[in-house]
Structure formats: C-alpha cells, structure tokens
C-alpha cells in the first residue's frame, strides 16, 4: 500500500459538508449561476465587507473595484472564449464558463491546498461542469480545461496537479484512470502551414490507463485499457491495451507482464487511427475573424 487513510477533525468535516452542500444546491437550482459564483468567491476570498461597501455606493479604490468586479464571471473572459467554434457552442459555454471561473479562482485560495476540502469541492463542481463525472474521483490543484462540458470521466479517476484537459473537441476518460502531474491531453491540433486551421477530435483514455509525469496525448489518440504512457513521452498514435509506451513519439516497448495472451503483439502497435475520431464543426459565414498573426501563408512553390 502506498497511501493511508487521513481524515479531518469532526468539526472541520461538518463545516466542509455544509459548505459543499450549500454550493451544490445553489448551482442545481434556478438561481443565476453568475450570482452564485460571485457570492462564493467573495466569501472564500474574505472580501464580503469591501463587496458590501461597494454595492452600497461606498468608496472603493480602482484596484478594489477591479478585484470585486472580477468575482462575477460575467465580467471576465477566458482564452477559450476567443475560439471561433464557440459560436456553435455558445449556450453550453456560457454556463460552463461560469463554473470554470469558480474552479480556477477557488484554486487561488488557501483552501485549495487543504487536500480533503479541495478534493470534495472540485468533485462537486465536476458534476455541474463536465458532461459526466463518475463516483469517487479526485481532482488536484491547477487543473485547466478548454470548455469543461465536452469532458466525460468515469469512476475512481485521479487527475493530479497542473494537468491540462483540452476538450476543444471531445475527451473521454474511463474508470480508474490515473493522470500524473503536468500531463497534457489534447483533442485539437493545428495545420502545419496555416496555424489558424483547427481540427477537433475525440480523444479517449480507456479504463485503467496510467499517464505518468509530464506526458502528452495528442488529439484523436486512443490509449487502450490498462496501458501506460511513460514520463515525458508523447502519444501520437494509438497505444494498444496492456502496452507500455515510451519516447517522443511514443512507441510500445513492452507488454505488461501477465497480459501477453490478450494484448496486441508489439509489432502490430503504432497504428494511426486519429482520422476516425475527427469531429467536424461549422463556422458561421458572418464570423468577425481576428487574425492574430497577420502572416502571409502563400508558399512560393505553388501556382
């Protein structure tokens, strides 16, 4: 066994349960989500006195006003809000944006380092933010995501510190998956010539997968059941079930001992099936396009 059971003192447990239940019930109600997020963040950051003073017309400094306004997610923008395809997901994103803001700003509080408290709070948020989230999942500090609402997570999943879950396409994570610190899992990529051309995919981690420290799974890859991706490796093609893959690009280097009879032979690994998981989307014809690079992409060797 690598871990032992740890519990909070009874009084702390009571306070935690009461708080998480209250936020959960408010998010599930008809109450405006922006208002709920704002209230929770004002109190978690200890800014209730300044907030009430500002709301009642009292004097606040410009810096205080900016800080107090930013507790309301309606007054914020996220990077994913600038993506062109958001035009087709706007109704879903408006809700997930507010919940994402609560998740991120909670992580900026001292409570985010109280593991028992933080795991319970994020698990509750995941129920509202993700497409689906199973039982007994643990989400640690500094996890980021693109939208949130395109993520499906199974039971007993552990996602450690500073992981990026890109769900610009679609991301499915099976049961009992372990994602180590600093892992990046993508569901979109960019064209080599025209960086503004984005392709979205469905990326899949099957049951019992382990992604180890600082690994990367590229868009559209399927990591098979019980497979392992080694530290600092990059999966560019599918990893078969029960295989251990390492390197950049990752290649299957062995099969887990005892699983040889049911695993794909090593010589048959490395098949690229990403195109099977491509997700098409439409961009409105009247979209006001922002070209952040201003590049001339016309190659010299074409007519």
Protein backbone atom coordinates (compact mmCIF):
# COMPACT_ATOMS: atom_id res chain seq x y z
CA UNK A 1 0.00 0.00 0.00
CA UNK A 2 1.34 3.43 -0.90
CA UNK A 3 -1.14 5.59 0.97
CA UNK A 4 -3.01 5.63 4.24
CA UNK A 5 -6.41 6.95 5.20
CA UNK A 6 -6.46 10.50 6.58
CA UNK A 7 -9.49 12.36 7.91
CA UNK A 8 -10.27 15.88 9.04
CA UNK A 9 -11.37 16.65 12.61
CA UNK A 10 -15.16 16.24 13.05
CA UNK A 11 -15.82 19.97 13.27
CA UNK A 12 -13.94 20.59 10.02
CA UNK A 13 -15.85 17.79 8.32
CA UNK A 14 -19.16 19.33 9.38
CA UNK A 15 -18.13 22.73 8.04
CA UNK A 16 -16.92 21.23 4.76
CA UNK A 17 -20.07 19.19 4.22
CA UNK A 18 -22.32 22.14 4.95
CA UNK A 19 -20.46 24.45 2.60
CA UNK A 20 -20.19 22.00 -0.31
CA UNK A 21 -23.84 21.00 0.02
CA UNK A 22 -24.96 24.63 0.03
CA UNK A 23 -22.99 25.48 -3.13
CA UNK A 24 -24.13 22.27 -4.82
CA UNK A 25 -27.78 23.02 -4.12
CA UNK A 26 -27.48 26.61 -5.35
CA UNK A 27 -25.79 25.53 -8.58
CA UNK A 28 -28.51 22.93 -9.17
CA UNK A 29 -31.29 25.45 -8.57
CA UNK A 30 -32.80 28.07 -10.85
CA UNK A 31 -30.63 30.75 -9.24
CA UNK A 32 -28.43 32.73 -11.61
CA UNK A 33 -25.07 30.96 -11.80
CA UNK A 34 -23.12 34.21 -12.05
CA UNK A 35 -24.64 35.32 -8.76
CA UNK A 36 -23.81 32.02 -7.08
CA UNK A 37 -20.20 32.08 -8.27
CA UNK A 38 -19.81 35.71 -7.24
CA UNK A 39 -21.15 35.08 -3.73
CA UNK A 40 -18.95 32.03 -3.19
CA UNK A 41 -15.77 33.75 -4.37
CA UNK A 42 -16.42 36.93 -2.36
CA UNK A 43 -16.68 34.87 0.81
CA UNK A 44 -13.83 32.46 0.04
CA UNK A 45 -11.50 35.40 -0.60
CA UNK A 46 -12.67 37.19 2.57
CA UNK A 47 -13.92 40.24 0.69
CA UNK A 48 -17.51 40.45 1.97
CA UNK A 49 -17.03 43.79 3.81
CA UNK A 50 -15.46 45.52 0.81
CA UNK A 51 -18.05 43.99 -1.52
CA UNK A 52 -20.99 45.23 0.57
CA UNK A 53 -19.39 48.67 0.83
CA UNK A 54 -19.01 48.81 -2.96
CA UNK A 55 -22.58 47.56 -3.56
CA UNK A 56 -24.00 50.20 -1.23
CA UNK A 57 -22.20 53.02 -3.08
CA UNK A 58 -19.33 53.40 -0.63
CA UNK A 59 -15.83 54.43 -1.57
CA UNK A 60 -13.57 51.80 -3.14
CA UNK A 61 -10.24 52.27 -4.89
CA UNK A 62 -9.87 51.46 -8.61
CA UNK A 63 -7.89 48.33 -7.70
CA UNK A 64 -10.57 47.21 -5.24
CA UNK A 65 -13.28 47.77 -7.83
CA UNK A 66 -11.48 45.66 -10.44
CA UNK A 67 -10.97 42.88 -7.90
CA UNK A 68 -14.57 42.94 -6.73
CA UNK A 69 -15.93 43.04 -10.27
CA UNK A 70 -13.82 40.01 -11.19
CA UNK A 71 -15.59 37.77 -8.70
CA UNK A 72 -18.53 37.91 -11.11
CA UNK A 73 -17.70 35.60 -14.05
CA UNK A 74 -19.94 37.71 -16.27
CA UNK A 75 -17.21 40.35 -16.05
CA UNK A 76 -14.45 38.01 -17.22
CA UNK A 77 -13.20 36.32 -20.37
CA UNK A 78 -11.36 33.02 -20.80
CA UNK A 79 -8.95 32.10 -23.59
CA UNK A 80 -11.38 29.54 -24.98
CA UNK A 81 -13.98 32.27 -25.39
CA UNK A 82 -11.99 33.58 -28.33
CA UNK A 83 -12.12 30.30 -30.29
CA UNK A 84 -14.14 30.55 -33.48
CA UNK A 85 -16.21 27.38 -32.98
CA UNK A 86 -17.57 28.78 -29.72
CA UNK A 87 -20.24 30.37 -31.89
CA UNK A 88 -21.81 26.91 -32.28
CA UNK A 89 -21.48 26.05 -28.56
CA UNK A 90 -22.36 29.40 -27.05
CA UNK A 91 -25.33 28.29 -24.96
CA UNK A 92 -23.37 25.46 -23.32
CA UNK A 93 -20.25 27.55 -22.88
CA UNK A 94 -21.98 30.37 -21.05
CA UNK A 95 -22.80 28.01 -18.19
CA UNK A 96 -19.52 26.09 -18.20
CA UNK A 97 -17.55 29.35 -18.33
CA UNK A 98 -19.02 30.47 -15.00
CA UNK A 99 -18.23 27.11 -13.38
CA UNK A 100 -14.72 27.12 -14.83
CA UNK A 101 -14.16 30.54 -13.29
CA UNK A 102 -15.25 29.23 -9.88
CA UNK A 103 -12.91 26.22 -10.25
CA UNK A 104 -9.92 28.39 -11.22
CA UNK A 105 -10.48 31.08 -8.61
CA UNK A 106 -11.06 28.52 -5.88
CA UNK A 107 -7.59 27.21 -6.73
CA UNK A 108 -6.23 30.69 -5.97
CA UNK A 109 -7.42 30.49 -2.34
CA UNK A 110 -5.57 28.95 0.64
CA UNK A 111 -8.34 26.31 0.86
CA UNK A 112 -7.12 24.82 -2.43
CA UNK A 113 -4.14 23.33 -0.57
CA UNK A 114 -6.34 21.68 2.05
CA UNK A 115 -6.48 18.36 0.20
CA UNK A 116 -9.59 16.85 1.85
CA UNK A 117 -11.57 20.07 1.46
CA UNK A 118 -10.39 20.82 -2.07
CA UNK A 119 -10.98 17.34 -3.46
CA UNK A 120 -14.56 17.36 -2.20
CA UNK A 121 -15.25 20.83 -3.58
CA UNK A 122 -13.81 20.13 -7.05
CA UNK A 123 -15.60 16.80 -7.25
CA UNK A 124 -18.89 18.60 -6.63
CA UNK A 125 -18.04 21.20 -9.29
CA UNK A 126 -17.19 18.48 -11.80
CA UNK A 127 -20.76 17.17 -11.53
CA UNK A 128 -22.02 20.52 -12.79
CA UNK A 129 -19.21 21.35 -15.23
CA UNK A 130 -18.38 18.11 -17.05
CA UNK A 131 -20.63 16.27 -19.48
CA UNK A 132 -20.49 13.41 -16.99
CA UNK A 133 -18.40 12.59 -13.92
CA UNK A 134 -18.38 9.24 -12.12
CA UNK A 135 -18.08 8.40 -8.44
CA UNK A 136 -15.09 8.85 -6.13
CA UNK A 137 -13.00 10.97 -8.49
CA UNK A 138 -10.15 13.12 -7.20
CA UNK A 139 -9.09 16.35 -8.89
CA UNK A 140 -6.00 18.10 -7.55
CA UNK A 141 -4.78 21.68 -7.84
CA UNK A 142 -4.10 23.63 -11.02
CA UNK A 143 -6.13 21.55 -13.48
CA UNK A 144 -7.20 23.52 -16.55
CA UNK A 145 -9.64 22.70 -19.33
CA UNK A 146 -10.84 24.30 -22.54
CA UNK A 147 -14.60 24.28 -22.03
CA UNK A 148 -15.34 21.55 -19.50
CA UNK A 149 -18.65 20.47 -20.96
CA UNK A 150 -17.02 18.14 -23.52
CA UNK A 151 -15.34 16.00 -20.84
CA UNK A 152 -16.67 12.63 -19.70
CA UNK A 153 -14.99 11.00 -16.70
CA UNK A 154 -15.61 7.52 -15.26
CA UNK A 155 -15.38 6.24 -11.68
CA UNK A 156 -12.32 6.40 -9.38
CA UNK A 157 -10.33 8.69 -11.67
CA UNK A 158 -7.38 10.64 -10.26
CA UNK A 159 -6.11 13.79 -12.01
CA UNK A 160 -3.07 15.30 -10.32
CA UNK A 161 -1.58 18.81 -10.19
CA UNK A 162 -1.20 21.12 -13.19
CA UNK A 163 -2.86 18.85 -15.75
CA UNK A 164 -4.44 20.29 -18.90
CA UNK A 165 -7.62 18.62 -20.16
CA UNK A 166 -8.25 20.02 -23.63
CA UNK A 167 -11.86 19.43 -24.62
CA UNK A 168 -11.98 21.73 -27.62
CA UNK A 169 -13.04 18.52 -29.35
CA UNK A 170 -14.21 15.73 -27.06
CA UNK A 171 -12.39 13.96 -24.23
CA UNK A 172 -13.46 10.64 -22.69
CA UNK A 173 -11.68 9.24 -19.63
CA UNK A 174 -12.61 5.75 -18.44
CA UNK A 175 -12.76 4.19 -14.99
CA UNK A 176 -9.75 4.08 -12.64
CA UNK A 177 -7.56 6.24 -14.87
CA UNK A 178 -4.52 7.88 -13.26
CA UNK A 179 -3.21 11.13 -14.74
CA UNK A 180 0.06 12.32 -13.17
CA UNK A 181 1.34 15.87 -12.64
CA UNK A 182 1.89 18.13 -15.67
CA UNK A 183 0.23 15.81 -18.19
CA UNK A 184 -1.38 17.43 -21.24
CA UNK A 185 -4.24 15.68 -23.06
CA UNK A 186 -5.37 17.30 -26.31
CA UNK A 187 -8.43 16.98 -28.51
CA UNK A 188 -7.48 19.57 -31.14
CA UNK A 189 -4.48 20.36 -33.32
CA UNK A 190 -3.41 22.98 -35.85
CA UNK A 191 -2.50 22.72 -39.53
CA UNK A 192 1.27 22.85 -40.14
CA UNK A 193 1.03 25.58 -42.80
CA UNK A 194 -1.98 27.56 -41.60
CA UNK A 195 -1.92 27.72 -37.82
CA UNK A 196 -5.42 29.20 -37.77
CA UNK A 197 -6.90 25.98 -39.25
CA UNK A 198 -8.00 23.88 -36.28
CA UNK A 199 -9.07 20.23 -36.35
CA UNK A 200 -11.06 18.79 -33.46
CA UNK A 201 -11.01 15.13 -32.43
CA UNK A 202 -12.36 12.68 -29.90
CA UNK A 203 -9.51 11.63 -27.59
CA UNK A 204 -10.06 8.51 -25.49
CA UNK A 205 -8.39 7.08 -22.39
CA UNK A 206 -9.84 3.64 -21.70
CA UNK A 207 -10.25 2.03 -18.27
CA UNK A 208 -7.20 1.61 -16.01
CA UNK A 209 -4.88 3.78 -18.13
CA UNK A 210 -1.88 5.42 -16.46
CA UNK A 211 -0.38 8.60 -17.88
CA UNK A 212 2.83 9.36 -15.99
CA UNK A 213 4.67 12.61 -15.26
CA UNK A 214 4.75 15.29 -17.98
CA UNK A 215 3.40 13.01 -20.71
CA UNK A 216 1.33 14.25 -23.64
CA UNK A 217 -1.55 12.62 -25.51
CA UNK A 218 -2.17 14.24 -28.87
CA UNK A 219 -5.58 14.88 -30.35
CA UNK A 220 -7.56 11.88 -31.53
CA UNK A 221 -5.37 9.25 -29.86
CA UNK A 222 -6.92 6.27 -28.09
CA UNK A 223 -4.93 4.90 -25.16
CA UNK A 224 -6.09 1.32 -24.66
CA UNK A 225 -7.22 -0.31 -21.45
CA UNK A 226 -4.57 -0.87 -18.77
CA UNK A 227 -1.88 0.82 -20.90
CA UNK A 228 0.90 3.03 -19.55
CA UNK A 229 2.43 6.12 -21.16
CA UNK A 230 5.87 6.76 -19.70
CA UNK A 231 7.09 10.05 -18.25
CA UNK A 232 7.77 12.86 -20.74
CA UNK A 233 6.50 10.73 -23.62
CA UNK A 234 4.21 11.90 -26.43
CA UNK A 235 1.48 9.60 -27.76
CA UNK A 236 0.90 10.48 -31.41
CA UNK A 237 -0.73 7.17 -32.39
CA UNK A 238 -2.96 4.72 -30.55
CA UNK A 239 -1.45 2.74 -27.68
CA UNK A 240 -2.91 -0.79 -27.56
CA UNK A 241 -4.40 -2.21 -24.38
CA UNK A 242 -1.89 -3.51 -21.78
CA UNK A 243 1.08 -1.95 -23.60
CA UNK A 244 3.77 0.26 -22.05
CA UNK A 245 4.76 3.05 -24.43
CA UNK A 246 7.68 5.47 -24.12
CA UNK A 247 9.50 8.09 -26.15
CA UNK A 248 8.61 11.04 -28.34
CA UNK A 249 6.88 9.90 -30.43
CA UNK A 250 5.90 7.12 -28.04
CA UNK A 251 6.35 3.53 -29.17
CA UNK A 252 5.26 0.34 -27.42
CA UNK A 253 8.33 -1.06 -25.68
CA UNK A 254 6.76 -3.96 -23.81
CA UNK A 255 3.51 -5.60 -22.74
CA UNK A 256 2.59 -5.72 -19.07
CA UNK A 257 3.68 -9.00 -17.56
CA UNK A 258 0.83 -11.50 -17.48
CA UNK A 259 -1.21 -9.76 -20.17
CA UNK A 260 0.63 -11.08 -23.23
CA UNK A 261 -2.09 -13.55 -24.26
CA UNK A 262 -4.76 -10.84 -24.62
CA UNK A 263 -2.61 -7.96 -25.89
CA UNK A 264 -1.90 -6.85 -29.45
CA UNK A 265 1.60 -8.06 -30.46
CA UNK A 266 4.26 -5.35 -30.21
CA UNK A 267 4.94 -5.44 -33.95
CA UNK A 268 1.31 -4.51 -34.66
CA UNK A 269 1.30 -1.41 -32.44
CA UNK A 270 1.66 2.19 -33.57
CA UNK A 271 -1.36 2.36 -35.88
CA UNK A 272 -2.61 5.91 -36.52
CA UNK A 273 -6.42 5.96 -36.36
CA UNK A 274 -6.91 9.60 -35.46
CA UNK A 275 -8.86 10.40 -38.62
CA UNK A 276 -11.58 8.01 -37.44
CA UNK A 277 -12.15 10.35 -34.50
CA UNK A 278 -12.23 13.66 -36.35
CA UNK A 279 -15.08 15.95 -35.26
CA UNK A 280 -16.37 18.33 -37.90
CA UNK A 281 -17.83 21.69 -36.97
CA UNK A 282 -19.25 24.68 -38.81
CA UNK A 283 -18.03 28.26 -38.61
CA UNK A 284 -20.65 30.97 -39.24
CA UNK A 285 -20.10 32.74 -42.56
CA UNK A 286 -20.52 36.16 -40.95
CA UNK A 287 -17.96 35.50 -38.21
CA UNK A 288 -15.84 38.53 -37.35
CA UNK A 289 -12.42 36.89 -37.71
CA UNK A 290 -9.46 38.09 -35.68
CA UNK A 291 -6.14 37.24 -37.38
CA UNK A 292 -3.67 37.47 -34.51
CA UNK A 293 -0.61 36.53 -36.58
CA UNK A 294 -1.07 38.58 -39.78
CA UNK A 295 1.08 36.12 -41.72
CA UNK A 296 1.40 35.69 -45.47
CA UNK A 297 0.77 31.95 -45.81
CA UNK A 298 1.11 31.68 -49.57
CA UNK A 299 4.03 29.27 -50.20
CA UNK A 300 6.43 30.17 -53.02
CA UNK A 301 6.36 26.73 -54.65
CA UNK A 302 2.68 26.71 -55.65
CA UNK A 303 0.91 28.16 -58.67
